[in-house]
Amino acid sequence: PLASATQILFAMFFGVFFFALYYRSGSIIPGIILHALVDLSANLNVLYPGADPLPPSERVFSRTPESALFAVAITLPLFLIGLGMLRKEASTP
């Protein structure tokens, strides 16, 4: 349950940010590029010579409450930036 809850928050934070990026830019291309960079950075260990990465079926997103909190804390700024990008702009008189 902890890993699932963490993954839900992680996906929601990224989702809000990517939607805000699309909403503000009017194009899906910046989101595609950023998503590719995030995926690449998450899998850099596979490119390391001699690396023995875990198969996806054995990866656990969060094993402890501390690692779950860390994952949420790392992605929280994206969520807050996304919310800031979605706020209604003040109209000028």
C-alpha atoms as a PDB file:
ATOM      1  CA  PRO A   1       0.000   0.000   0.000  1.00  0.00           C
ATOM      2  CA  LEU A   2       2.831   2.437   0.754  1.00  0.00           C
ATOM      3  CA  ALA A   3       4.449   1.937  -2.637  1.00  0.00           C
ATOM      4  CA  SER A   4       1.083   2.326  -4.387  1.00  0.00           C
ATOM      5  CA  ALA A   5       0.205   5.514  -2.508  1.00  0.00           C
ATOM      6  CA  THR A   6       3.629   6.961  -3.248  1.00  0.00           C
ATOM      7  CA  GLN A   7       3.345   6.085  -6.931  1.00  0.00           C
ATOM      8  CA  ILE A   8      -0.104   7.708  -7.098  1.00  0.00           C
ATOM      9  CA  LEU A   9       1.207  10.962  -5.607  1.00  0.00           C
ATOM     10  CA  PHE A  10       4.311  10.839  -7.790  1.00  0.00           C
ATOM     11  CA  ALA A  11       2.184  10.397 -10.937  1.00  0.00           C
ATOM     12  CA  MET A  12      -0.281  13.093  -9.868  1.00  0.00           C
ATOM     13  CA  PHE A  13       2.492  15.625  -9.231  1.00  0.00           C
ATOM     14  CA  PHE A  14       4.072  14.959 -12.624  1.00  0.00           C
ATOM     15  CA  GLY A  15       0.647  14.948 -14.298  1.00  0.00           C
ATOM     16  CA  VAL A  16      -0.299  18.373 -12.935  1.00  0.00           C
ATOM     17  CA  PHE A  17       3.051  19.785 -14.010  1.00  0.00           C
ATOM     18  CA  PHE A  18       2.851  18.331 -17.521  1.00  0.00           C
ATOM     19  CA  PHE A  19      -0.728  19.554 -17.933  1.00  0.00           C
ATOM     20  CA  ALA A  20       0.263  23.048 -16.798  1.00  0.00           C
ATOM     21  CA  LEU A  21       3.168  22.990 -19.239  1.00  0.00           C
ATOM     22  CA  TYR A  22       0.805  22.015 -22.062  1.00  0.00           C
ATOM     23  CA  TYR A  23      -1.822  24.556 -20.979  1.00  0.00           C
ATOM     24  CA  ARG A  24       0.653  27.442 -20.869  1.00  0.00           C
ATOM     25  CA  SER A  25       2.650  26.585 -23.977  1.00  0.00           C
ATOM     26  CA  GLY A  26      -0.252  25.406 -26.120  1.00  0.00           C
ATOM     27  CA  SER A  27       1.915  22.567 -27.410  1.00  0.00           C
ATOM     28  CA  ILE A  28       2.535  19.030 -26.288  1.00  0.00           C
ATOM     29  CA  ILE A  29       6.130  19.047 -27.589  1.00  0.00           C
ATOM     30  CA  PRO A  30       7.767  20.585 -24.462  1.00  0.00           C
ATOM     31  CA  GLY A  31       6.064  17.940 -22.322  1.00  0.00           C
ATOM     32  CA  ILE A  32       7.228  15.146 -24.608  1.00  0.00           C
ATOM     33  CA  ILE A  33      10.818  16.390 -24.474  1.00  0.00           C
ATOM     34  CA  LEU A  34      10.756  16.827 -20.699  1.00  0.00           C
ATOM     35  CA  HIS A  35       9.175  13.407 -20.205  1.00  0.00           C
ATOM     36  CA  ALA A  36      11.904  11.833 -22.355  1.00  0.00           C
ATOM     37  CA  LEU A  37      14.589  13.566 -20.273  1.00  0.00           C
ATOM     38  CA  VAL A  38      12.997  12.400 -17.016  1.00  0.00           C
ATOM     39  CA  ASP A  39      12.786   8.829 -18.307  1.00  0.00           C
ATOM     40  CA  LEU A  40      16.371   8.939 -19.542  1.00  0.00           C
ATOM     41  CA  SER A  41      17.686  10.261 -16.236  1.00  0.00           C
ATOM     42  CA  ALA A  42      15.768   7.575 -14.336  1.00  0.00           C
ATOM     43  CA  ASN A  43      17.391   4.848 -16.437  1.00  0.00           C
ATOM     44  CA  LEU A  44      20.972   6.095 -16.655  1.00  0.00           C
ATOM     45  CA  ASN A  45      22.148   3.195 -14.515  1.00  0.00           C
ATOM     46  CA  VAL A  46      21.365   0.843 -17.414  1.00  0.00           C
ATOM     47  CA  LEU A  47      23.948   2.636 -19.560  1.00  0.00           C
ATOM     48  CA  TYR A  48      26.709   2.084 -17.004  1.00  0.00           C
ATOM     49  CA  PRO A  49      29.090  -0.696 -18.123  1.00  0.00           C
ATOM     50  CA  GLY A  50      28.714  -3.772 -15.970  1.00  0.00           C
ATOM     51  CA  ALA A  51      25.497  -2.568 -14.381  1.00  0.00           C
ATOM     52  CA  ASP A  52      23.027  -5.213 -13.277  1.00  0.00           C
ATOM     53  CA  PRO A  53      19.712  -3.327 -13.042  1.00  0.00           C
ATOM     54  CA  LEU A  54      16.693  -4.919 -11.492  1.00  0.00           C
ATOM     55  CA  PRO A  55      13.973  -6.024 -13.886  1.00  0.00           C
ATOM     56  CA  PRO A  56      10.821  -3.876 -13.696  1.00  0.00           C
ATOM     57  CA  SER A  57       8.933  -6.654 -11.904  1.00  0.00           C
ATOM     58  CA  GLU A  58      11.400  -6.521  -8.993  1.00  0.00           C
ATOM     59  CA  ARG A  59      11.588  -2.745  -8.591  1.00  0.00           C
ATOM     60  CA  VAL A  60       9.886  -1.387  -5.500  1.00  0.00           C
ATOM     61  CA  PHE A  61       9.173   2.317  -5.583  1.00  0.00           C
ATOM     62  CA  SER A  62       9.228   2.840  -1.821  1.00  0.00           C
ATOM     63  CA  ARG A  63      10.280   0.249   0.684  1.00  0.00           C
ATOM     64  CA  THR A  64      10.141   2.414   3.804  1.00  0.00           C
ATOM     65  CA  PRO A  65       8.140   5.448   4.934  1.00  0.00           C
ATOM     66  CA  GLU A  66      11.328   7.505   4.724  1.00  0.00           C
ATOM     67  CA  SER A  67      11.943   6.625   1.076  1.00  0.00           C
ATOM     68  CA  ALA A  68       8.279   7.296   0.269  1.00  0.00           C
ATOM     69  CA  LEU A  69       8.471  10.700   1.939  1.00  0.00           C
ATOM     70  CA  PHE A  70      11.702  11.455   0.071  1.00  0.00           C
ATOM     71  CA  ALA A  71      10.126  10.578  -3.297  1.00  0.00           C
ATOM     72  CA  VAL A  72       7.127  12.798  -2.571  1.00  0.00           C
ATOM     73  CA  ALA A  73       9.335  15.645  -1.314  1.00  0.00           C
ATOM     74  CA  ILE A  74      11.472  15.508  -4.458  1.00  0.00           C
ATOM     75  CA  THR A  75       8.451  15.792  -6.766  1.00  0.00           C
ATOM     76  CA  LEU A  76       6.441  18.251  -4.648  1.00  0.00           C
ATOM     77  CA  PRO A  77       8.138  21.310  -6.226  1.00  0.00           C
ATOM     78  CA  LEU A  78       6.932  20.183  -9.668  1.00  0.00           C
ATOM     79  CA  PHE A  79       3.390  19.996  -8.323  1.00  0.00           C
ATOM     80  CA  LEU A  80       3.624  23.464  -6.779  1.00  0.00           C
ATOM     81  CA  ILE A  81       5.136  24.942  -9.944  1.00  0.00           C
ATOM     82  CA  GLY A  82       2.346  23.346 -11.968  1.00  0.00           C
ATOM     83  CA  LEU A  83      -0.300  24.794  -9.664  1.00  0.00           C
ATOM     84  CA  GLY A  84       1.368  28.196  -9.945  1.00  0.00           C
ATOM     85  CA  MET A  85       1.305  27.948 -13.731  1.00  0.00           C
ATOM     86  CA  LEU A  86      -2.420  27.099 -13.643  1.00  0.00           C
ATOM     87  CA  ARG A  87      -3.499  29.917 -11.362  1.00  0.00           C
ATOM     88  CA  LYS A  88      -5.840  32.441 -12.831  1.00  0.00           C
ATOM     89  CA  GLU A  89      -4.054  35.551 -13.978  1.00  0.00           C
ATOM     90  CA  ALA A  90      -5.203  38.839 -12.490  1.00  0.00           C
ATOM     91  CA  SER A  91      -7.090  40.955 -14.972  1.00  0.00           C
ATOM     92  CA  THR A  92      -5.909  44.497 -15.483  1.00  0.00           C
ATOM     93  CA  PRO A  93      -8.500  47.274 -15.455  1.00  0.00           C
END
